[in-house]
Amino acid sequence: MDHRFKELLVLRDAKENGDGTVLKITTKGDTVIHAISVAREGFSYTGPTWTYLFESDGLTLIDAGEAGSLPRLEDGLAVAGFKLQDIDRVIISHGHEDHDGAVSELVEKADIEVWAHEIYAHLQAYDPRTISRRVISPIQKEMWRVADLNRSFPPTSPQRDEYVRRRQALTIDHPIKANETIGKLEILHTPGHSPDELCMKLDEVIFTGDHVLPEISPHPTMKAEFPPEIKANLPDSYKDADKWYGLSRYLQSLKIIVDFGPERELLPAHRYYNRGHFNFINTERAAIILDHHGQRLTDILEKVGAGEVNLEDLTRAVFAHRELLSDNLLAGLSEVVAHVEILEEVGDLEVSEDGVISATGVSNHLGFLSALQA
């Protein structure tokens, strides 16, 4: 197997998509990491959530899986030779349900400290959709109009409401600041996919959460502004949402991983094992994703051409290889909006008040990309 670890042992064989896999990884620095794949309920495009257990100034777990998955995590821990009560802390890589959903169940069963980036602690009192669904520009207004016409809104459910309620009640014992360390573990703040996204460096390994994934490109956030009632309760250093949201912020965070050099092995939260094989990746994968978004910026500019185009037509042209139906159209629309926002910001595109997109005849995004990759 093509990896940079000192040793990798499969303690429990994988299903085709990796559900239930348990690995024992020994780094070149002789740190033992147990990788535990926690299956999700029903089908998930991203597959199971990979959690990681290791010793660094106490036994540390990264992520816990979605709500209701605690028995599957416990089962994986038992295969690795541990129980919940052995764990000293859980670090939330970011506040998405398939990562922090089971944390409240975890702390109810064991005396475990909860660590998360301090912006997670400041925002946890609010439903994340309060921010992500707030319209701040004509292109975002057009996106929601098209999504509404096509009935492409994310589903709401009692389970979702319960997740938000339990997340709001969760006590964050240690709000993490950027570049903190826990023993040998160095914590990095890498927002863009989520404002609180954390990567963590240990020996030759970087745990990447959803920041860098094999096979798929993580979904970037769009630009955002905090509603007044939320902004008023934030410290001054967090009031500017541009620092935490948007594709530009995500690309800058990818560069953080690229700059560590190709000798770093990445341990992602999804798709580490899929379709019957491992997907070992290093920091080059972050460079590939960075290049992917650069190519998409150029592709969108070319598809707009010399005329005018609406967002739905542009999105269907960008994803011509896929059938965008009501359940996945919003994801495609928001992906294109995130790229249009950069092209508009650098002056390559203009968006009218009614959401019509046109090119300005320049390609300033090439300079933007060159500066990023320097």
Foldseek 3Di string as FASTA:
>chain_A
DDDQFPDKDWLDDADQFRAATWMWTQHPVRWTKIWGWFADPDDDPQGTFIKIWTDFLFIEIEFQFAAPRNVSVQVRQVSVPDGLQRGAEYEYQAPDRGGCHCVLVSCVVYVHAYEFAQVLVLDLLDDVCLWQLDDDALQSVLLVVVLVVQVQDDDDDPSSVVSSVSSNVDDHPYHDDAQDDGHQKTWHQQAFLFLGGIWIDHRLEIEGELLFDPPDHRQGGQQTADPPVSLVSDDPVPRHSVCHGFPLSSLLSLLVQVVVDFSHKYDYGGSCRHSHGGDTGGSVRSVVSSVVLLVLLVVLLVVLPAHKDALQVSLCVSVVVDDQHSHCSSSSSRSVNRSVVVCVVQQQWDADSNGIIHGPPDDSVVVVSVVSVD
